[in-house]
Amino acid sequence: MPQWRQGLTKSLHQTRSMPESRYFQLATVDGSGVPYCRTVVFRGITDNNQLVVISDTRSEKYNQLGQNPHSQVCWYFSKTREQYRFSCTATIITLGQDADLVTQHWNKLSDAGKKQFLWGEPGTPRNDGSALQVEGDFNEVPTHFCVIMLTIDSVDYLNLRGNPQSREWHQKDGNGNWVSQSLIP
């Protein structure tokens, strides 16, 4: 297990009682190079060090990652005062590509989580204050539900505790092994 992954596992464990530790910021760029950043829910990490999030194929995030799969994650743990910045390459997995994986993630959602995918297209006008109407069956995975795997290419870790603070850079060498370098914060 890479050194940064051991640290992330520890950070998640130490902050497990804090709901905000399950969210991180994901930055993408559109076709013109304009950056966009949003908060997403951490859905897990794979054995080969991919961060997992879910999305909607009708969203800007999906379109932006389709145009340019490079993204960055910024994840701050306030309790431990640690920041992880991951440079990633995204792979989008749709129901047609891997029905088992996508269905598995759909089934992990609460009914409230599933509703968000069944009440209309993201970003379209909402003209009145009435309740959003659910259209669809919670037992069927919508075709626009997808899983995004963020393959981590490098990690910039910053620990703000102490004086001086500590910072580390992690990346793969030419053989695919993770190497680390201490940096001046």
Protein backbone atom coordinates (compact mmCIF):
# COMPACT_ATOMS: atom_id res chain seq x y z
CA MET A 1 0.00 0.00 0.00
CA PRO A 2 1.47 3.40 -0.96
CA GLN A 3 2.49 5.71 1.88
CA TRP A 4 -0.15 8.31 0.91
CA ARG A 5 -2.87 5.63 0.98
CA GLN A 6 -1.86 4.60 4.49
CA GLY A 7 -2.13 8.24 5.53
CA LEU A 8 -5.53 8.66 3.85
CA THR A 9 -6.82 5.50 5.54
CA LYS A 10 -5.69 6.90 8.89
CA SER A 11 -7.25 10.32 8.16
CA LEU A 12 -10.58 8.70 7.25
CA HIS A 13 -10.50 6.57 10.39
CA GLN A 14 -9.68 9.50 12.67
CA THR A 15 -12.51 11.60 11.20
CA ARG A 16 -15.10 8.85 10.70
CA SER A 17 -17.55 10.54 13.10
CA MET A 18 -17.46 13.78 11.13
CA PRO A 19 -19.92 13.75 8.19
CA GLU A 20 -17.92 16.37 6.27
CA SER A 21 -14.97 14.01 5.98
CA ARG A 22 -16.97 12.02 3.40
CA TYR A 23 -16.97 14.95 0.95
CA PHE A 24 -14.24 16.35 -1.24
CA GLN A 25 -13.93 18.94 -3.99
CA LEU A 26 -13.56 17.78 -7.58
CA ALA A 27 -12.25 20.22 -10.18
CA THR A 28 -12.71 19.76 -13.91
CA VAL A 29 -12.36 21.99 -16.97
CA ASP A 30 -14.73 22.51 -19.86
CA GLY A 31 -13.83 22.43 -23.55
CA SER A 32 -12.69 26.07 -23.39
CA GLY A 33 -10.42 25.46 -20.41
CA VAL A 34 -12.72 27.16 -17.89
CA PRO A 35 -12.38 25.45 -14.48
CA TYR A 36 -15.34 24.17 -12.47
CA CYS A 37 -15.22 22.89 -8.91
CA ARG A 38 -17.91 21.08 -6.95
CA THR A 39 -18.30 19.02 -3.81
CA VAL A 40 -18.88 15.30 -4.32
CA VAL A 41 -19.48 12.36 -2.01
CA PHE A 42 -16.66 9.87 -1.49
CA ARG A 43 -18.05 6.42 -2.35
CA GLY A 44 -14.91 4.38 -1.73
CA ILE A 45 -11.43 3.61 -2.95
CA THR A 46 -10.57 0.58 -5.05
CA ASP A 47 -7.73 -1.89 -4.52
CA ASN A 48 -5.83 -0.15 -7.32
CA ASN A 49 -6.15 3.29 -5.68
CA GLN A 50 -9.06 4.79 -7.59
CA LEU A 51 -11.39 7.17 -5.80
CA VAL A 52 -15.04 6.35 -6.53
CA VAL A 53 -17.84 8.88 -7.00
CA ILE A 54 -21.23 8.67 -8.68
CA SER A 55 -22.80 11.08 -11.14
CA ASP A 56 -25.46 11.75 -13.76
CA THR A 57 -24.61 11.58 -17.46
CA ARG A 58 -26.80 14.66 -17.97
CA SER A 59 -24.55 16.77 -15.71
CA GLU A 60 -21.84 19.30 -16.56
CA LYS A 61 -19.32 17.16 -14.65
CA TYR A 62 -19.97 14.21 -16.97
CA ASN A 63 -19.63 16.36 -20.08
CA GLN A 64 -16.46 18.05 -18.85
CA LEU A 65 -14.76 14.77 -17.93
CA GLY A 66 -15.83 13.36 -21.30
CA GLN A 67 -13.99 16.22 -23.02
CA ASN A 68 -10.96 16.14 -20.71
CA PRO A 69 -10.53 13.27 -18.24
CA HIS A 70 -7.90 15.12 -16.19
CA SER A 71 -9.18 16.42 -12.87
CA GLN A 72 -8.04 17.35 -9.43
CA VAL A 73 -9.41 16.45 -6.02
CA CYS A 74 -8.87 18.56 -2.92
CA TRP A 75 -9.81 16.86 0.35
CA TYR A 76 -9.41 18.62 3.67
CA PHE A 77 -9.81 16.95 7.05
CA SER A 78 -10.47 19.71 9.60
CA LYS A 79 -10.05 17.51 12.67
CA THR A 80 -6.55 16.37 11.70
CA ARG A 81 -5.72 19.55 9.72
CA GLU A 82 -4.58 17.54 6.69
CA GLN A 83 -5.06 18.28 3.02
CA TYR A 84 -4.71 15.82 0.15
CA ARG A 85 -4.60 17.07 -3.42
CA PHE A 86 -4.91 14.29 -5.96
CA SER A 87 -4.19 14.77 -9.66
CA CYS A 88 -6.42 12.21 -11.36
CA THR A 89 -7.55 10.77 -14.64
CA ALA A 90 -11.26 9.98 -14.73
CA THR A 91 -12.93 6.95 -16.24
CA ILE A 92 -16.71 7.12 -16.54
CA ILE A 93 -18.59 3.84 -16.32
CA THR A 94 -22.17 3.71 -17.55
CA LEU A 95 -24.85 1.06 -17.18
CA GLY A 96 -24.14 -0.12 -20.73
CA GLN A 97 -20.45 -0.58 -20.00
CA ASP A 98 -20.61 -2.40 -16.65
CA ALA A 99 -24.13 -3.05 -15.45
CA ASP A 100 -22.99 -5.01 -12.39
CA LEU A 101 -20.73 -2.25 -11.05
CA VAL A 102 -23.23 0.55 -11.73
CA THR A 103 -26.11 -1.47 -10.22
CA GLN A 104 -24.00 -2.22 -7.15
CA HIS A 105 -23.48 1.50 -6.54
CA TRP A 106 -27.14 2.30 -7.24
CA ASN A 107 -28.24 -0.28 -4.68
CA LYS A 108 -25.99 1.30 -2.01
CA LEU A 109 -27.94 4.57 -2.23
CA SER A 110 -30.71 5.47 0.18
CA ASP A 111 -34.12 6.30 -1.26
CA ALA A 112 -33.31 9.99 -0.71
CA GLY A 113 -30.10 9.54 -2.70
CA LYS A 114 -31.94 7.77 -5.53
CA LYS A 115 -34.55 10.56 -5.70
CA GLN A 116 -31.88 12.99 -6.87
CA PHE A 117 -31.50 10.96 -10.06
CA LEU A 118 -35.26 10.68 -10.67
CA TRP A 119 -36.58 14.24 -10.36
CA GLY A 120 -35.44 15.77 -13.63
CA GLU A 121 -32.42 16.89 -15.56
CA PRO A 122 -29.70 18.69 -13.57
CA GLY A 123 -29.34 22.38 -14.36
CA THR A 124 -32.71 22.84 -16.04
CA PRO A 125 -35.02 25.66 -14.89
CA ARG A 126 -37.26 25.16 -11.89
CA ASN A 127 -40.01 27.70 -12.33
CA ASP A 128 -42.01 27.31 -9.16
CA GLY A 129 -41.47 26.37 -5.56
CA SER A 130 -43.45 23.14 -5.74
CA ALA A 131 -41.95 19.83 -4.66
CA LEU A 132 -39.84 18.04 -7.23
CA GLN A 133 -41.62 15.06 -8.73
CA VAL A 134 -39.94 11.66 -8.82
CA GLU A 135 -40.27 9.95 -12.20
CA GLY A 136 -39.08 6.37 -12.17
CA ASP A 137 -38.71 3.31 -10.02
CA PHE A 138 -36.14 3.10 -7.22
CA ASN A 139 -35.58 -0.56 -8.12
CA GLU A 140 -34.44 0.24 -11.68
CA VAL A 141 -31.10 1.90 -12.34
CA PRO A 142 -31.68 4.95 -14.55
CA THR A 143 -29.64 4.92 -17.75
CA HIS A 144 -28.16 8.32 -16.83
CA PHE A 145 -26.71 7.06 -13.51
CA CYS A 146 -22.96 6.44 -13.75
CA VAL A 147 -19.87 5.72 -11.68
CA ILE A 148 -16.69 7.78 -12.00
CA MET A 149 -13.36 6.17 -11.16
CA LEU A 150 -10.63 8.70 -10.45
CA THR A 151 -7.25 7.09 -11.05
CA ILE A 152 -4.71 8.88 -8.89
CA ASP A 153 -1.64 10.02 -10.81
CA SER A 154 0.04 12.04 -8.04
CA VAL A 155 -0.62 13.20 -4.49
CA ASP A 156 0.35 16.45 -2.79
CA TYR A 157 -0.11 15.98 0.96
CA LEU A 158 0.01 18.84 3.47
CA ASN A 159 -0.21 18.51 7.25
CA LEU A 160 -0.93 21.89 8.83
CA ARG A 161 -0.16 20.75 12.37
CA GLY A 162 3.18 21.67 13.79
CA ASN A 163 5.67 24.36 13.05
CA PRO A 164 6.90 23.95 10.46
CA GLN A 165 4.10 22.09 8.76
CA SER A 166 4.97 19.02 6.69
CA ARG A 167 4.37 18.42 3.00
CA GLU A 168 4.98 15.38 0.82
CA TRP A 169 4.79 14.71 -2.90
CA HIS A 170 3.90 11.19 -4.10
CA GLN A 171 4.02 9.90 -7.67
CA LYS A 172 4.77 6.75 -9.59
CA ASP A 173 8.24 6.09 -10.93
CA GLY A 174 8.95 4.57 -14.34
CA ASN A 175 8.25 1.07 -12.97
CA GLY A 176 4.84 1.97 -11.54
CA ASN A 177 6.04 2.09 -7.92
CA TRP A 178 4.96 4.95 -5.68
CA VAL A 179 7.81 7.19 -4.54
CA SER A 180 7.64 10.02 -2.02
CA GLN A 181 9.53 13.26 -1.55
CA SER A 182 9.35 15.66 1.40
CA LEU A 183 8.79 19.25 0.30
CA ILE A 184 9.04 22.64 1.92
CA PRO A 185 5.44 23.55 2.82
